[in-house]
Amino acid sequence: MTDLSPAAQAVMDAYWQAPLSNKASVAAALRAAADQVVPEELLKGSDPDAWLRDEIRQQLLAIADELEGQ
C-alpha cells in the first residue's frame, strides 16, 4: 500500500474511527478534510481571505452536521 500524505491519513483515520455508520463515517471524514484544508482561524481581523476560508469551512461542517443528523 502506498503511504498517504499526513492530510490524507488524517481523513482516513477519522473515517475508520467513526461509529459503524456510513453517514457518520463520511461526516467524520468530511470534518477531518475541513480541518486539513481550511483549519479554524481564531483571529481573522479584517482579512477578507480569512473570512472566505471560514465561510468555506462552515459550509463543509454544515454538510457533516446534516449527515450526522440523518
C-alpha atoms as a PDB file:
ATOM      1  CA  MET A   1       0.000   0.000   0.000  1.00  0.00           C
ATOM      2  CA  THR A   2       1.208   3.484  -0.846  1.00  0.00           C
ATOM      3  CA  ASP A   3       1.985   5.824   2.030  1.00  0.00           C
ATOM      4  CA  LEU A   4      -0.519   8.634   2.363  1.00  0.00           C
ATOM      5  CA  SER A   5       0.210  12.278   2.987  1.00  0.00           C
ATOM      6  CA  PRO A   6      -0.457  13.382   6.573  1.00  0.00           C
ATOM      7  CA  ALA A   7      -3.631  15.168   5.423  1.00  0.00           C
ATOM      8  CA  ALA A   8      -4.986  12.118   3.581  1.00  0.00           C
ATOM      9  CA  GLN A   9      -4.063   9.875   6.509  1.00  0.00           C
ATOM     10  CA  ALA A  10      -5.963  12.162   8.912  1.00  0.00           C
ATOM     11  CA  VAL A  11      -9.087  11.841   6.766  1.00  0.00           C
ATOM     12  CA  MET A  12      -8.748   8.040   6.549  1.00  0.00           C
ATOM     13  CA  ASP A  13      -8.175   7.770  10.303  1.00  0.00           C
ATOM     14  CA  ALA A  14     -11.296   9.825  11.006  1.00  0.00           C
ATOM     15  CA  TYR A  15     -13.323   7.654   8.633  1.00  0.00           C
ATOM     16  CA  TRP A  16     -12.212   4.380  10.237  1.00  0.00           C
ATOM     17  CA  GLN A  17     -12.561   5.647  13.827  1.00  0.00           C
ATOM     18  CA  ALA A  18     -16.145   6.880  13.359  1.00  0.00           C
ATOM     19  CA  PRO A  19     -19.062   4.814  14.662  1.00  0.00           C
ATOM     20  CA  LEU A  20     -20.198   1.989  12.429  1.00  0.00           C
ATOM     21  CA  SER A  21     -22.461   4.037  10.188  1.00  0.00           C
ATOM     22  CA  ASN A  22     -21.773   5.127   6.650  1.00  0.00           C
ATOM     23  CA  LYS A  23     -23.184   8.598   7.238  1.00  0.00           C
ATOM     24  CA  ALA A  24     -21.238   9.057  10.474  1.00  0.00           C
ATOM     25  CA  SER A  25     -18.060   7.838   8.813  1.00  0.00           C
ATOM     26  CA  VAL A  26     -18.497  10.190   5.864  1.00  0.00           C
ATOM     27  CA  ALA A  27     -19.259  13.068   8.238  1.00  0.00           C
ATOM     28  CA  ALA A  28     -16.118  12.321  10.272  1.00  0.00           C
ATOM     29  CA  ALA A  29     -14.006  12.183   7.122  1.00  0.00           C
ATOM     30  CA  LEU A  30     -15.511  15.455   5.892  1.00  0.00           C
ATOM     31  CA  ARG A  31     -14.732  17.147   9.211  1.00  0.00           C
ATOM     32  CA  ALA A  32     -11.153  15.893   9.051  1.00  0.00           C
ATOM     33  CA  ALA A  33     -10.817  17.140   5.472  1.00  0.00           C
ATOM     34  CA  ALA A  34     -12.117  20.551   6.531  1.00  0.00           C
ATOM     35  CA  ASP A  35      -9.532  20.627   9.339  1.00  0.00           C
ATOM     36  CA  GLN A  36      -6.773  19.801   6.870  1.00  0.00           C
ATOM     37  CA  VAL A  37      -7.807  22.134   4.043  1.00  0.00           C
ATOM     38  CA  VAL A  38      -9.320  25.099   5.892  1.00  0.00           C
ATOM     39  CA  PRO A  39      -8.248  24.871   9.543  1.00  0.00           C
ATOM     40  CA  GLU A  40     -10.022  27.081  12.049  1.00  0.00           C
ATOM     41  CA  GLU A  41      -8.593  30.588  12.270  1.00  0.00           C
ATOM     42  CA  LEU A  42      -9.485  32.281  15.526  1.00  0.00           C
ATOM     43  CA  LEU A  43      -8.110  35.725  14.624  1.00  0.00           C
ATOM     44  CA  LYS A  44      -9.460  36.800  11.241  1.00  0.00           C
ATOM     45  CA  GLY A  45      -9.448  40.541  11.814  1.00  0.00           C
ATOM     46  CA  SER A  46     -10.068  42.490   8.619  1.00  0.00           C
ATOM     47  CA  ASP A  47      -8.526  39.864   6.315  1.00  0.00           C
ATOM     48  CA  PRO A  48     -11.247  39.135   3.711  1.00  0.00           C
ATOM     49  CA  ASP A  49      -9.484  35.923   2.648  1.00  0.00           C
ATOM     50  CA  ALA A  50      -9.643  34.626   6.221  1.00  0.00           C
ATOM     51  CA  TRP A  51     -13.383  35.309   6.316  1.00  0.00           C
ATOM     52  CA  LEU A  52     -13.827  33.496   2.995  1.00  0.00           C
ATOM     53  CA  ARG A  53     -11.884  30.489   4.281  1.00  0.00           C
ATOM     54  CA  ASP A  54     -14.058  30.471   7.393  1.00  0.00           C
ATOM     55  CA  GLU A  55     -17.229  30.524   5.254  1.00  0.00           C
ATOM     56  CA  ILE A  56     -15.954  27.531   3.246  1.00  0.00           C
ATOM     57  CA  ARG A  57     -15.115  25.703   6.477  1.00  0.00           C
ATOM     58  CA  GLN A  58     -18.570  26.409   7.885  1.00  0.00           C
ATOM     59  CA  GLN A  59     -20.241  25.086   4.734  1.00  0.00           C
ATOM     60  CA  LEU A  60     -18.243  21.846   4.913  1.00  0.00           C
ATOM     61  CA  LEU A  61     -19.053  21.432   8.591  1.00  0.00           C
ATOM     62  CA  ALA A  62     -22.745  22.104   7.905  1.00  0.00           C
ATOM     63  CA  ILE A  63     -22.765  19.190   5.452  1.00  0.00           C
ATOM     64  CA  ALA A  64     -21.164  16.988   8.116  1.00  0.00           C
ATOM     65  CA  ASP A  65     -23.790  18.146  10.647  1.00  0.00           C
ATOM     66  CA  GLU A  66     -26.548  17.278   8.186  1.00  0.00           C
ATOM     67  CA  LEU A  67     -25.116  13.798   7.620  1.00  0.00           C
ATOM     68  CA  GLU A  68     -24.851  13.177  11.357  1.00  0.00           C
ATOM     69  CA  GLY A  69     -28.432  14.344  11.885  1.00  0.00           C
ATOM     70  CA  GLN A  70     -29.915  11.830   9.426  1.00  0.00           C
END
